[in-house]
Amino acid sequence: MGTFVENKGILVEGASRQRDVTGDGTPLNSIDNIDDREEITGGRSGFLMGLAAYLIWGSFPLYFKALAHVPASEVLAHRIIWSAIFLLVFVALTGAGAQLKSMLLDMRTLATLTVTTLLIATNWFVFIYAVEAGKVLESSLGYYINPLVSIFLAAVFLGEKLTGRQKVSIVLAAAGVAIQTVMVGRLPIISITLAFTFGTYGLIRKAAKVPAVTGLAVETTLLSPFALAYLLWLMSQGKLSFMAAGTGAGTDILLFLAGAVTITPLILYGAAINRLRLSTMGIMLYIVPTSHFMWAVFAFGEPFTMGHLVSFCFIWAGLVLYSSESLGIMRRSTRAL
């Protein structure tokens, strides 16, 4: 799917820290009955923006399926270039140009974003390939296990301690992958690749404390020369689908919209996260893999065998444990304010 929230590999500025004021600057701990309220200010608009972001991400298989006649590598190149253009315009309009410039001039930040650039490019390509190859079900499994992969990576590389429930959740997810490997007959490599590229991406981004939109602007800008060179090569070989005779205006429009489709949900999420509790956003997160699952089974008719069912049941059980643990921690943190 690419471009995601902290749980999915992208930190949205402000999402990684506990909010300490309301929209008018009033400290949270001065508000009565906070636990009985879903939001402090802008709750309805925040919910709608968050829901819109997740529904757009959840609809990505439909968008990329409509481009299945275009090679995944070309779709990726267009996604990179149009995203870079869209992001640079957005950064300029929001007055974040100075921040972007400082990130480009900081060699340590630039080196970090070079690594994340490779990770996001890999993740985007694998997802596009999965949709075009009829493996959306496998990609949905990757997004289901991503939160569990993220806490596993944090424990390994950041030394974060896992609770008992989190350990069991990871074991259940690993068991689910193993069961699918045995019962279906092959390792779900797409699922594993998506989960670990997103997980590693989020790990590095969290350590770097790079804002999501500005950071992605740098990443897509770094990738754009290579993407443009590839498209020019395709054109020289007569293999470019964009603006080519016989592909139709619909294809050109869809490729042109790749940037807006990629960035719009990220912007919506960034706005929503400042209006809603993180626990609410965390629960809404599962809209995305669930939507992908539904598209794969009921719209695209991908095979769903007993092996798949058993595998997903183990993973869903792990997610129930993980989510209940996370919700408990968030509620205790809120009460402590």
C-alpha atoms as a PDB file:
ATOM      1  CA  MET A   1       0.000   0.000   0.000  1.00  0.00           C
ATOM      2  CA  GLY A   2       2.785   2.351   0.880  1.00  0.00           C
ATOM      3  CA  THR A   3       2.470   5.592   2.774  1.00  0.00           C
ATOM      4  CA  PHE A   4       1.217   4.604   6.029  1.00  0.00           C
ATOM      5  CA  VAL A   5       0.811   5.618   9.643  1.00  0.00           C
ATOM      6  CA  GLU A   6       3.112   4.777  12.516  1.00  0.00           C
ATOM      7  CA  ASN A   7       1.681   1.257  12.880  1.00  0.00           C
ATOM      8  CA  LYS A   8       2.195   0.758   9.174  1.00  0.00           C
ATOM      9  CA  GLY A   9       5.585   2.239   8.879  1.00  0.00           C
ATOM     10  CA  ILE A  10       5.212   5.999   8.567  1.00  0.00           C
ATOM     11  CA  LEU A  11       5.318   8.459  11.414  1.00  0.00           C
ATOM     12  CA  VAL A  12       2.888  11.314  11.100  1.00  0.00           C
ATOM     13  CA  GLU A  13       4.177  14.425  12.807  1.00  0.00           C
ATOM     14  CA  GLY A  14       2.439  14.681  16.142  1.00  0.00           C
ATOM     15  CA  ALA A  15       1.222  11.086  16.129  1.00  0.00           C
ATOM     16  CA  SER A  16       4.141   9.715  18.103  1.00  0.00           C
ATOM     17  CA  ARG A  17       3.706  12.001  21.078  1.00  0.00           C
ATOM     18  CA  GLN A  18       0.861  12.239  23.563  1.00  0.00           C
ATOM     19  CA  ARG A  19      -1.279  15.295  22.981  1.00  0.00           C
ATOM     20  CA  ASP A  20      -1.154  17.623  25.972  1.00  0.00           C
ATOM     21  CA  VAL A  21      -3.490  20.399  24.902  1.00  0.00           C
ATOM     22  CA  THR A  22      -6.813  20.792  23.199  1.00  0.00           C
ATOM     23  CA  GLY A  23      -7.325  22.853  20.121  1.00  0.00           C
ATOM     24  CA  ASP A  24      -7.568  26.060  22.203  1.00  0.00           C
ATOM     25  CA  GLY A  25      -4.522  25.250  24.348  1.00  0.00           C
ATOM     26  CA  THR A  26      -6.382  23.933  27.406  1.00  0.00           C
ATOM     27  CA  PRO A  27      -4.420  21.148  29.169  1.00  0.00           C
ATOM     28  CA  LEU A  28      -6.108  17.789  28.877  1.00  0.00           C
ATOM     29  CA  ASN A  29      -5.936  17.156  32.597  1.00  0.00           C
ATOM     30  CA  SER A  30      -8.099  20.205  33.237  1.00  0.00           C
ATOM     31  CA  ILE A  31     -11.053  18.792  31.340  1.00  0.00           C
ATOM     32  CA  ASP A  32     -13.658  16.893  33.296  1.00  0.00           C
ATOM     33  CA  ASN A  33     -14.834  13.426  32.314  1.00  0.00           C
ATOM     34  CA  ILE A  34     -12.249  13.013  29.570  1.00  0.00           C
ATOM     35  CA  ASP A  35     -12.638   9.235  29.617  1.00  0.00           C
ATOM     36  CA  ASP A  36     -16.276   9.591  28.641  1.00  0.00           C
ATOM     37  CA  ARG A  37     -15.453  11.581  25.567  1.00  0.00           C
ATOM     38  CA  GLU A  38     -14.147  10.093  22.330  1.00  0.00           C
ATOM     39  CA  GLU A  39     -12.570  13.330  21.222  1.00  0.00           C
ATOM     40  CA  ILE A  40     -11.708  16.686  22.810  1.00  0.00           C
ATOM     41  CA  THR A  41     -12.254  18.981  19.837  1.00  0.00           C
ATOM     42  CA  GLY A  42     -13.028  18.345  16.206  1.00  0.00           C
ATOM     43  CA  GLY A  43     -14.024  14.761  16.991  1.00  0.00           C
ATOM     44  CA  ARG A  44     -16.521  14.295  14.214  1.00  0.00           C
ATOM     45  CA  SER A  45     -14.312  15.843  11.551  1.00  0.00           C
ATOM     46  CA  GLY A  46     -11.338  13.876  12.867  1.00  0.00           C
ATOM     47  CA  PHE A  47     -13.252  10.626  12.710  1.00  0.00           C
ATOM     48  CA  LEU A  48     -14.437  11.335   9.170  1.00  0.00           C
ATOM     49  CA  MET A  49     -10.939  12.248   8.005  1.00  0.00           C
ATOM     50  CA  GLY A  50      -9.444   9.163   9.625  1.00  0.00           C
ATOM     51  CA  LEU A  51     -12.149   6.970   8.167  1.00  0.00           C
ATOM     52  CA  ALA A  52     -11.631   8.537   4.731  1.00  0.00           C
ATOM     53  CA  ALA A  53      -7.877   7.870   4.937  1.00  0.00           C
ATOM     54  CA  TYR A  54      -8.349   4.214   5.831  1.00  0.00           C
ATOM     55  CA  LEU A  55     -11.061   3.693   3.224  1.00  0.00           C
ATOM     56  CA  ILE A  56      -8.810   5.149   0.529  1.00  0.00           C
ATOM     57  CA  TRP A  57      -5.964   2.868   1.612  1.00  0.00           C
ATOM     58  CA  GLY A  58      -8.444   0.009   1.732  1.00  0.00           C
ATOM     59  CA  SER A  59      -9.477   0.743  -1.858  1.00  0.00           C
ATOM     60  CA  PHE A  60      -5.932   0.639  -3.245  1.00  0.00           C
ATOM     61  CA  PRO A  61      -6.434  -2.870  -4.706  1.00  0.00           C
ATOM     62  CA  LEU A  62      -9.247  -1.503  -6.889  1.00  0.00           C
ATOM     63  CA  TYR A  63      -7.092   1.349  -8.136  1.00  0.00           C
ATOM     64  CA  PHE A  64      -4.072  -0.788  -8.971  1.00  0.00           C
ATOM     65  CA  LYS A  65      -6.226  -3.589 -10.381  1.00  0.00           C
ATOM     66  CA  ALA A  66      -7.526  -1.039 -12.905  1.00  0.00           C
ATOM     67  CA  LEU A  67      -3.889  -0.614 -13.980  1.00  0.00           C
ATOM     68  CA  ALA A  68      -3.140  -4.334 -14.177  1.00  0.00           C
ATOM     69  CA  HIS A  69      -2.483  -4.036 -17.927  1.00  0.00           C
ATOM     70  CA  VAL A  70       0.439  -1.694 -17.185  1.00  0.00           C
ATOM     71  CA  PRO A  71       3.659  -3.347 -15.945  1.00  0.00           C
ATOM     72  CA  ALA A  72       4.152  -2.947 -12.196  1.00  0.00           C
ATOM     73  CA  SER A  73       7.523  -1.304 -12.720  1.00  0.00           C
ATOM     74  CA  GLU A  74       6.000   1.450 -14.866  1.00  0.00           C
ATOM     75  CA  VAL A  75       3.157   1.995 -12.397  1.00  0.00           C
ATOM     76  CA  LEU A  76       5.756   2.327  -9.640  1.00  0.00           C
ATOM     77  CA  ALA A  77       7.731   4.882 -11.646  1.00  0.00           C
ATOM     78  CA  HIS A  78       4.626   6.991 -12.214  1.00  0.00           C
ATOM     79  CA  ARG A  79       3.663   6.716  -8.562  1.00  0.00           C
ATOM     80  CA  ILE A  80       7.086   8.005  -7.540  1.00  0.00           C
ATOM     81  CA  ILE A  81       7.205  10.930  -9.979  1.00  0.00           C
ATOM     82  CA  TRP A  82       3.642  12.180  -9.515  1.00  0.00           C
ATOM     83  CA  SER A  83       3.919  11.737  -5.725  1.00  0.00           C
ATOM     84  CA  ALA A  84       7.101  13.816  -5.691  1.00  0.00           C
ATOM     85  CA  ILE A  85       5.435  16.607  -7.690  1.00  0.00           C
ATOM     86  CA  PHE A  86       2.309  16.503  -5.523  1.00  0.00           C
ATOM     87  CA  LEU A  87       4.355  16.528  -2.317  1.00  0.00           C
ATOM     88  CA  LEU A  88       6.683  19.348  -3.356  1.00  0.00           C
ATOM     89  CA  VAL A  89       3.680  21.519  -4.224  1.00  0.00           C
ATOM     90  CA  PHE A  90       2.038  20.631  -0.909  1.00  0.00           C
ATOM     91  CA  VAL A  91       5.223  21.400   1.032  1.00  0.00           C
ATOM     92  CA  ALA A  92       5.518  24.774  -0.700  1.00  0.00           C
ATOM     93  CA  LEU A  93       1.881  25.667  -0.024  1.00  0.00           C
ATOM     94  CA  THR A  94       2.103  24.718   3.657  1.00  0.00           C
ATOM     95  CA  GLY A  95       5.290  26.675   4.257  1.00  0.00           C
ATOM     96  CA  ALA A  96       7.452  23.640   4.979  1.00  0.00           C
ATOM     97  CA  GLY A  97      10.013  24.487   2.311  1.00  0.00           C
ATOM     98  CA  ALA A  98      12.654  25.517   4.840  1.00  0.00           C
ATOM     99  CA  GLN A  99      12.223  22.245   6.683  1.00  0.00           C
ATOM    100  CA  LEU A 100      12.602  20.326   3.428  1.00  0.00           C
ATOM    101  CA  LYS A 101      15.767  22.252   2.563  1.00  0.00           C
ATOM    102  CA  SER A 102      17.319  21.601   5.972  1.00  0.00           C
ATOM    103  CA  MET A 103      16.625  17.879   5.620  1.00  0.00           C
ATOM    104  CA  LEU A 104      18.292  17.801   2.206  1.00  0.00           C
ATOM    105  CA  LEU A 105      21.352  19.608   3.567  1.00  0.00           C
ATOM    106  CA  ASP A 106      21.694  17.416   6.652  1.00  0.00           C
ATOM    107  CA  MET A 107      23.872  14.509   5.545  1.00  0.00           C
ATOM    108  CA  ARG A 108      22.853  12.269   8.432  1.00  0.00           C
ATOM    109  CA  THR A 109      19.152  12.770   7.724  1.00  0.00           C
ATOM    110  CA  LEU A 110      19.741  12.354   4.017  1.00  0.00           C
ATOM    111  CA  ALA A 111      21.607   9.091   4.583  1.00  0.00           C
ATOM    112  CA  THR A 112      18.760   7.812   6.753  1.00  0.00           C
ATOM    113  CA  LEU A 113      16.163   8.757   4.158  1.00  0.00           C
ATOM    114  CA  THR A 114      18.211   7.074   1.441  1.00  0.00           C
ATOM    115  CA  VAL A 115      17.734   3.794   3.305  1.00  0.00           C
ATOM    116  CA  THR A 116      14.018   4.404   3.852  1.00  0.00           C
ATOM    117  CA  THR A 117      13.724   5.343   0.180  1.00  0.00           C
ATOM    118  CA  LEU A 118      14.856   1.862  -0.821  1.00  0.00           C
ATOM    119  CA  LEU A 119      12.443   0.297   1.668  1.00  0.00           C
ATOM    120  CA  ILE A 120       9.398   2.269   0.511  1.00  0.00           C
ATOM    121  CA  ALA A 121      10.227   1.650  -3.160  1.00  0.00           C
ATOM    122  CA  THR A 122      10.439  -2.093  -2.481  1.00  0.00           C
ATOM    123  CA  ASN A 123       7.192  -2.039  -0.517  1.00  0.00           C
ATOM    124  CA  TRP A 124       5.331  -0.102  -3.192  1.00  0.00           C
ATOM    125  CA  PHE A 125       6.566  -2.370  -5.968  1.00  0.00           C
ATOM    126  CA  VAL A 126       5.701  -5.590  -4.125  1.00  0.00           C
ATOM    127  CA  PHE A 127       2.185  -4.363  -3.366  1.00  0.00           C
ATOM    128  CA  ILE A 128       1.551  -3.253  -6.956  1.00  0.00           C
ATOM    129  CA  TYR A 129       2.892  -6.589  -8.201  1.00  0.00           C
ATOM    130  CA  ALA A 130       0.683  -8.469  -5.719  1.00  0.00           C
ATOM    131  CA  VAL A 131      -2.450  -6.730  -6.977  1.00  0.00           C
ATOM    132  CA  GLU A 132      -1.585  -7.224 -10.636  1.00  0.00           C
ATOM    133  CA  ALA A 133      -0.632 -10.874 -10.060  1.00  0.00           C
ATOM    134  CA  GLY A 134      -3.872 -11.684  -8.229  1.00  0.00           C
ATOM    135  CA  LYS A 135      -2.263 -12.027  -4.789  1.00  0.00           C
ATOM    136  CA  VAL A 136      -4.208  -9.417  -2.837  1.00  0.00           C
ATOM    137  CA  LEU A 137      -5.120 -12.003  -0.190  1.00  0.00           C
ATOM    138  CA  GLU A 138      -1.450 -12.588   0.474  1.00  0.00           C
ATOM    139  CA  SER A 139      -0.788  -8.859   0.688  1.00  0.00           C
ATOM    140  CA  SER A 140      -3.655  -8.454   3.175  1.00  0.00           C
ATOM    141  CA  LEU A 141      -1.996 -11.008   5.427  1.00  0.00           C
ATOM    142  CA  GLY A 142       1.152  -8.879   5.318  1.00  0.00           C
ATOM    143  CA  TYR A 143      -0.734  -5.816   6.526  1.00  0.00           C
ATOM    144  CA  TYR A 144      -2.470  -7.822   9.257  1.00  0.00           C
ATOM    145  CA  ILE A 145       0.838  -9.002  10.708  1.00  0.00           C
ATOM    146  CA  ASN A 146       2.628  -5.667  10.247  1.00  0.00           C
ATOM    147  CA  PRO A 147       1.853  -4.309  13.757  1.00  0.00           C
ATOM    148  CA  LEU A 148       3.203  -7.513  15.276  1.00  0.00           C
ATOM    149  CA  VAL A 149       6.318  -7.359  13.106  1.00  0.00           C
ATOM    150  CA  SER A 150       6.804  -3.746  14.217  1.00  0.00           C
ATOM    151  CA  ILE A 151       6.802  -4.554  17.937  1.00  0.00           C
ATOM    152  CA  PHE A 152       9.098  -7.521  17.247  1.00  0.00           C
ATOM    153  CA  LEU A 153      11.601  -5.263  15.450  1.00  0.00           C
ATOM    154  CA  ALA A 154      11.364  -2.668  18.226  1.00  0.00           C
ATOM    155  CA  ALA A 155      12.197  -5.368  20.779  1.00  0.00           C
ATOM    156  CA  VAL A 156      15.156  -6.637  18.757  1.00  0.00           C
ATOM    157  CA  PHE A 157      16.708  -3.328  17.673  1.00  0.00           C
ATOM    158  CA  LEU A 158      15.497  -0.806  20.252  1.00  0.00           C
ATOM    159  CA  GLY A 159      15.480  -3.070  23.266  1.00  0.00           C
ATOM    160  CA  GLU A 160      11.812  -2.436  24.012  1.00  0.00           C
ATOM    161  CA  LYS A 161      10.399  -4.991  26.437  1.00  0.00           C
ATOM    162  CA  LEU A 162       7.508  -7.122  25.287  1.00  0.00           C
ATOM    163  CA  THR A 163       4.604  -7.961  27.556  1.00  0.00           C
ATOM    164  CA  GLY A 164       3.348 -11.500  27.877  1.00  0.00           C
ATOM    165  CA  ARG A 165       0.427 -10.843  25.543  1.00  0.00           C
ATOM    166  CA  GLN A 166       2.674  -9.272  22.939  1.00  0.00           C
ATOM    167  CA  LYS A 167       4.965 -12.307  22.985  1.00  0.00           C
ATOM    168  CA  VAL A 168       2.010 -14.639  22.529  1.00  0.00           C
ATOM    169  CA  SER A 169       0.712 -12.425  19.714  1.00  0.00           C
ATOM    170  CA  ILE A 170       3.998 -12.682  17.840  1.00  0.00           C
ATOM    171  CA  VAL A 171       4.096 -16.469  18.324  1.00  0.00           C
ATOM    172  CA  LEU A 172       0.531 -16.781  17.003  1.00  0.00           C
ATOM    173  CA  ALA A 173       1.389 -14.688  13.940  1.00  0.00           C
ATOM    174  CA  ALA A 174       4.503 -16.765  13.254  1.00  0.00           C
ATOM    175  CA  ALA A 175       2.410 -19.919  13.659  1.00  0.00           C
ATOM    176  CA  GLY A 176      -0.113 -18.552  11.181  1.00  0.00           C
ATOM    177  CA  VAL A 177       2.594 -17.955   8.587  1.00  0.00           C
ATOM    178  CA  ALA A 178       4.053 -21.410   9.208  1.00  0.00           C
ATOM    179  CA  ILE A 179       0.630 -23.061   8.901  1.00  0.00           C
ATOM    180  CA  GLN A 180      -0.002 -21.330   5.595  1.00  0.00           C
ATOM    181  CA  THR A 181       3.397 -22.418   4.338  1.00  0.00           C
ATOM    182  CA  VAL A 182       2.627 -26.053   5.133  1.00  0.00           C
ATOM    183  CA  MET A 183      -1.079 -26.230   4.276  1.00  0.00           C
ATOM    184  CA  VAL A 184      -1.051 -23.997   1.190  1.00  0.00           C
ATOM    185  CA  GLY A 185       2.283 -25.329   0.040  1.00  0.00           C
ATOM    186  CA  ARG A 186       4.402 -22.192  -0.217  1.00  0.00           C
ATOM    187  CA  LEU A 187       5.908 -19.486   1.950  1.00  0.00           C
ATOM    188  CA  PRO A 188       3.807 -16.254   1.770  1.00  0.00           C
ATOM    189  CA  ILE A 189       6.813 -14.249   0.643  1.00  0.00           C
ATOM    190  CA  ILE A 190       4.710 -11.249  -0.402  1.00  0.00           C
ATOM    191  CA  SER A 191       3.176 -11.042   3.084  1.00  0.00           C
ATOM    192  CA  ILE A 192       6.557 -11.291   4.774  1.00  0.00           C
ATOM    193  CA  THR A 193       8.174  -8.748   2.452  1.00  0.00           C
ATOM    194  CA  LEU A 194       5.397  -6.197   2.915  1.00  0.00           C
ATOM    195  CA  ALA A 195       5.334  -6.607   6.691  1.00  0.00           C
ATOM    196  CA  PHE A 196       9.091  -6.392   7.182  1.00  0.00           C
ATOM    197  CA  THR A 197       9.725  -3.550   4.736  1.00  0.00           C
ATOM    198  CA  PHE A 198       6.981  -1.517   6.432  1.00  0.00           C
ATOM    199  CA  GLY A 199       8.177  -2.537   9.882  1.00  0.00           C
ATOM    200  CA  THR A 200      11.792  -1.633   9.153  1.00  0.00           C
ATOM    201  CA  TYR A 201      10.711   1.590   7.467  1.00  0.00           C
ATOM    202  CA  GLY A 202       8.749   2.607  10.554  1.00  0.00           C
ATOM    203  CA  LEU A 203      11.608   1.641  12.857  1.00  0.00           C
ATOM    204  CA  ILE A 204      14.099   3.849  11.018  1.00  0.00           C
ATOM    205  CA  ARG A 205      11.638   6.710  10.610  1.00  0.00           C
ATOM    206  CA  LYS A 206      10.821   6.611  14.329  1.00  0.00           C
ATOM    207  CA  ALA A 207      14.493   6.805  15.244  1.00  0.00           C
ATOM    208  CA  ALA A 208      15.076   9.659  12.786  1.00  0.00           C
ATOM    209  CA  LYS A 209      11.998  11.619  13.942  1.00  0.00           C
ATOM    210  CA  VAL A 210      11.286  12.749  10.397  1.00  0.00           C
ATOM    211  CA  PRO A 211       7.833  14.245   9.651  1.00  0.00           C
ATOM    212  CA  ALA A 212       5.821  11.998   7.355  1.00  0.00           C
ATOM    213  CA  VAL A 213       4.910  14.324   4.504  1.00  0.00           C
ATOM    214  CA  THR A 214       8.217  16.179   4.320  1.00  0.00           C
ATOM    215  CA  GLY A 215      10.165  12.942   4.684  1.00  0.00           C
ATOM    216  CA  LEU A 216       8.204  11.289   1.907  1.00  0.00           C
ATOM    217  CA  ALA A 217       8.818  14.360  -0.253  1.00  0.00           C
ATOM    218  CA  VAL A 218      12.553  13.796   0.154  1.00  0.00           C
ATOM    219  CA  GLU A 219      12.236  10.062  -0.518  1.00  0.00           C
ATOM    220  CA  THR A 220      10.213  10.450  -3.706  1.00  0.00           C
ATOM    221  CA  THR A 221      12.492  13.273  -4.866  1.00  0.00           C
ATOM    222  CA  LEU A 222      15.515  11.002  -4.423  1.00  0.00           C
ATOM    223  CA  LEU A 223      13.780   8.283  -6.429  1.00  0.00           C
ATOM    224  CA  SER A 224      12.393  10.542  -9.167  1.00  0.00           C
ATOM    225  CA  PRO A 225      15.532  10.763 -11.373  1.00  0.00           C
ATOM    226  CA  PHE A 226      15.709   6.973 -11.554  1.00  0.00           C
ATOM    227  CA  ALA A 227      11.977   6.678 -12.178  1.00  0.00           C
ATOM    228  CA  LEU A 228      12.134   9.310 -14.929  1.00  0.00           C
ATOM    229  CA  ALA A 229      15.142   7.642 -16.540  1.00  0.00           C
ATOM    230  CA  TYR A 230      13.260   4.337 -16.565  1.00  0.00           C
ATOM    231  CA  LEU A 231      10.201   5.898 -18.192  1.00  0.00           C
ATOM    232  CA  LEU A 232      12.372   7.576 -20.827  1.00  0.00           C
ATOM    233  CA  TRP A 233      14.009   4.227 -21.529  1.00  0.00           C
ATOM    234  CA  LEU A 234      10.602   2.589 -21.917  1.00  0.00           C
ATOM    235  CA  MET A 235       9.596   5.351 -24.319  1.00  0.00           C
ATOM    236  CA  SER A 236      12.760   4.858 -26.380  1.00  0.00           C
ATOM    237  CA  GLN A 237      11.906   1.163 -26.635  1.00  0.00           C
ATOM    238  CA  GLY A 238       8.305   1.863 -27.607  1.00  0.00           C
ATOM    239  CA  LYS A 239       7.055   0.149 -24.438  1.00  0.00           C
ATOM    240  CA  LEU A 240       5.720   3.124 -22.489  1.00  0.00           C
ATOM    241  CA  SER A 241       2.028   2.786 -21.635  1.00  0.00           C
ATOM    242  CA  PHE A 242       1.511   6.424 -20.630  1.00  0.00           C
ATOM    243  CA  MET A 243       0.197   8.568 -23.502  1.00  0.00           C
ATOM    244  CA  ALA A 244       0.651   5.618 -25.852  1.00  0.00           C
ATOM    245  CA  ALA A 245      -1.687   4.822 -28.696  1.00  0.00           C
ATOM    246  CA  GLY A 246      -4.138   2.090 -27.774  1.00  0.00           C
ATOM    247  CA  THR A 247      -3.984   2.446 -23.994  1.00  0.00           C
ATOM    248  CA  GLY A 248      -6.770   4.992 -23.762  1.00  0.00           C
ATOM    249  CA  ALA A 249      -7.258   8.187 -21.805  1.00  0.00           C
ATOM    250  CA  GLY A 250      -8.465   6.252 -18.780  1.00  0.00           C
ATOM    251  CA  THR A 251      -5.046   4.698 -18.257  1.00  0.00           C
ATOM    252  CA  ASP A 252      -3.308   8.058 -18.613  1.00  0.00           C
ATOM    253  CA  ILE A 253      -5.622   9.642 -16.046  1.00  0.00           C
ATOM    254  CA  LEU A 254      -5.148   6.808 -13.563  1.00  0.00           C
ATOM    255  CA  LEU A 255      -1.361   7.015 -13.860  1.00  0.00           C
ATOM    256  CA  PHE A 256      -1.464  10.797 -13.507  1.00  0.00           C
ATOM    257  CA  LEU A 257      -3.548  10.442 -10.335  1.00  0.00           C
ATOM    258  CA  ALA A 258      -1.003   8.111  -8.707  1.00  0.00           C
ATOM    259  CA  GLY A 259       0.491  10.966  -6.709  1.00  0.00           C
ATOM    260  CA  ALA A 260      -2.815  12.278  -5.396  1.00  0.00           C
ATOM    261  CA  VAL A 261      -4.023   8.762  -4.578  1.00  0.00           C
ATOM    262  CA  THR A 262      -0.835   8.094  -2.631  1.00  0.00           C
ATOM    263  CA  ILE A 263      -0.587  11.327  -0.666  1.00  0.00           C
ATOM    264  CA  THR A 264      -4.213  12.274   0.036  1.00  0.00           C
ATOM    265  CA  PRO A 265      -4.844   9.555   2.684  1.00  0.00           C
ATOM    266  CA  LEU A 266      -1.558  10.416   4.411  1.00  0.00           C
ATOM    267  CA  ILE A 267      -2.602  14.061   4.705  1.00  0.00           C
ATOM    268  CA  LEU A 268      -6.051  13.054   5.956  1.00  0.00           C
ATOM    269  CA  TYR A 269      -4.485  10.760   8.528  1.00  0.00           C
ATOM    270  CA  GLY A 270      -2.150  13.505   9.712  1.00  0.00           C
ATOM    271  CA  ALA A 271      -5.142  15.779  10.299  1.00  0.00           C
ATOM    272  CA  ALA A 272      -7.203  13.059  11.981  1.00  0.00           C
ATOM    273  CA  ILE A 273      -4.515  11.949  14.409  1.00  0.00           C
ATOM    274  CA  ASN A 274      -4.528  15.372  16.068  1.00  0.00           C
ATOM    275  CA  ARG A 275      -8.292  15.183  16.637  1.00  0.00           C
ATOM    276  CA  LEU A 276      -8.794  11.588  17.793  1.00  0.00           C
ATOM    277  CA  ARG A 277      -7.376   9.316  20.429  1.00  0.00           C
ATOM    278  CA  LEU A 278      -4.610   7.062  19.193  1.00  0.00           C
ATOM    279  CA  SER A 279      -6.644   4.081  20.421  1.00  0.00           C
ATOM    280  CA  THR A 280      -9.426   5.012  18.001  1.00  0.00           C
ATOM    281  CA  MET A 281      -6.989   5.346  15.111  1.00  0.00           C
ATOM    282  CA  GLY A 282      -5.363   2.058  16.097  1.00  0.00           C
ATOM    283  CA  ILE A 283      -8.652   0.172  15.896  1.00  0.00           C
ATOM    284  CA  MET A 284      -9.529   1.839  12.586  1.00  0.00           C
ATOM    285  CA  LEU A 285      -6.198   0.620  11.225  1.00  0.00           C
ATOM    286  CA  TYR A 286      -7.665  -2.835  10.621  1.00  0.00           C
ATOM    287  CA  ILE A 287     -10.074  -1.393   8.075  1.00  0.00           C
ATOM    288  CA  VAL A 288      -7.244  -1.557   5.534  1.00  0.00           C
ATOM    289  CA  PRO A 289      -6.218  -5.252   5.596  1.00  0.00           C
ATOM    290  CA  THR A 290      -9.837  -6.263   6.141  1.00  0.00           C
ATOM    291  CA  SER A 291     -10.870  -4.317   3.037  1.00  0.00           C
ATOM    292  CA  HIS A 292      -8.053  -5.941   1.066  1.00  0.00           C
ATOM    293  CA  PHE A 293      -9.147  -9.341   2.357  1.00  0.00           C
ATOM    294  CA  MET A 294     -12.733  -8.719   1.260  1.00  0.00           C
ATOM    295  CA  TRP A 295     -11.726  -7.448  -2.185  1.00  0.00           C
ATOM    296  CA  ALA A 296      -9.475 -10.478  -2.705  1.00  0.00           C
ATOM    297  CA  VAL A 297     -12.026 -13.118  -1.728  1.00  0.00           C
ATOM    298  CA  PHE A 298     -15.333 -11.620  -2.798  1.00  0.00           C
ATOM    299  CA  ALA A 299     -14.483  -9.238  -5.657  1.00  0.00           C
ATOM    300  CA  PHE A 300     -11.412 -10.763  -7.280  1.00  0.00           C
ATOM    301  CA  GLY A 301     -12.290 -14.393  -6.567  1.00  0.00           C
ATOM    302  CA  GLU A 302      -8.869 -15.360  -5.248  1.00  0.00           C
ATOM    303  CA  PRO A 303      -8.667 -18.891  -3.771  1.00  0.00           C
ATOM    304  CA  PHE A 304      -9.389 -19.092  -0.041  1.00  0.00           C
ATOM    305  CA  THR A 305      -8.664 -22.596   1.180  1.00  0.00           C
ATOM    306  CA  MET A 306      -8.885 -24.265   4.573  1.00  0.00           C
ATOM    307  CA  GLY A 307      -5.149 -23.595   4.922  1.00  0.00           C
ATOM    308  CA  HIS A 308      -5.775 -19.890   4.448  1.00  0.00           C
ATOM    309  CA  LEU A 309      -8.621 -19.939   6.979  1.00  0.00           C
ATOM    310  CA  VAL A 310      -6.578 -21.658   9.685  1.00  0.00           C
ATOM    311  CA  SER A 311      -3.621 -19.356   9.029  1.00  0.00           C
ATOM    312  CA  PHE A 312      -5.704 -16.203   9.214  1.00  0.00           C
ATOM    313  CA  CYS A 313      -7.453 -17.409  12.381  1.00  0.00           C
ATOM    314  CA  PHE A 314      -4.108 -17.714  14.160  1.00  0.00           C
ATOM    315  CA  ILE A 315      -3.098 -14.247  12.989  1.00  0.00           C
ATOM    316  CA  TRP A 316      -6.463 -12.712  13.923  1.00  0.00           C
ATOM    317  CA  ALA A 317      -6.151 -14.261  17.384  1.00  0.00           C
ATOM    318  CA  GLY A 318      -2.730 -12.672  17.749  1.00  0.00           C
ATOM    319  CA  LEU A 319      -4.125  -9.308  16.707  1.00  0.00           C
ATOM    320  CA  VAL A 320      -6.958  -9.539  19.251  1.00  0.00           C
ATOM    321  CA  LEU A 321      -4.397 -10.064  22.021  1.00  0.00           C
ATOM    322  CA  TYR A 322      -2.157  -7.290  20.699  1.00  0.00           C
ATOM    323  CA  SER A 323      -5.045  -4.826  20.307  1.00  0.00           C
ATOM    324  CA  SER A 324      -6.466  -5.507  23.763  1.00  0.00           C
ATOM    325  CA  GLU A 325      -3.025  -4.936  25.248  1.00  0.00           C
ATOM    326  CA  SER A 326      -2.518  -1.698  23.303  1.00  0.00           C
ATOM    327  CA  LEU A 327      -5.955  -0.355  24.212  1.00  0.00           C
ATOM    328  CA  GLY A 328      -5.327  -1.075  27.876  1.00  0.00           C
ATOM    329  CA  ILE A 329      -2.014   0.800  27.807  1.00  0.00           C
ATOM    330  CA  MET A 330      -3.552   3.793  26.026  1.00  0.00           C
ATOM    331  CA  ARG A 331      -6.485   4.002  28.439  1.00  0.00           C
ATOM    332  CA  ARG A 332      -4.157   3.892  31.443  1.00  0.00           C
ATOM    333  CA  SER A 333      -2.031   6.634  29.891  1.00  0.00           C
ATOM    334  CA  THR A 334      -5.099   8.793  29.288  1.00  0.00           C
ATOM    335  CA  ARG A 335      -6.307   8.399  32.877  1.00  0.00           C
ATOM    336  CA  ALA A 336      -2.864   9.424  34.123  1.00  0.00           C
ATOM    337  CA  LEU A 337      -3.108  12.827  32.433  1.00  0.00           C
END
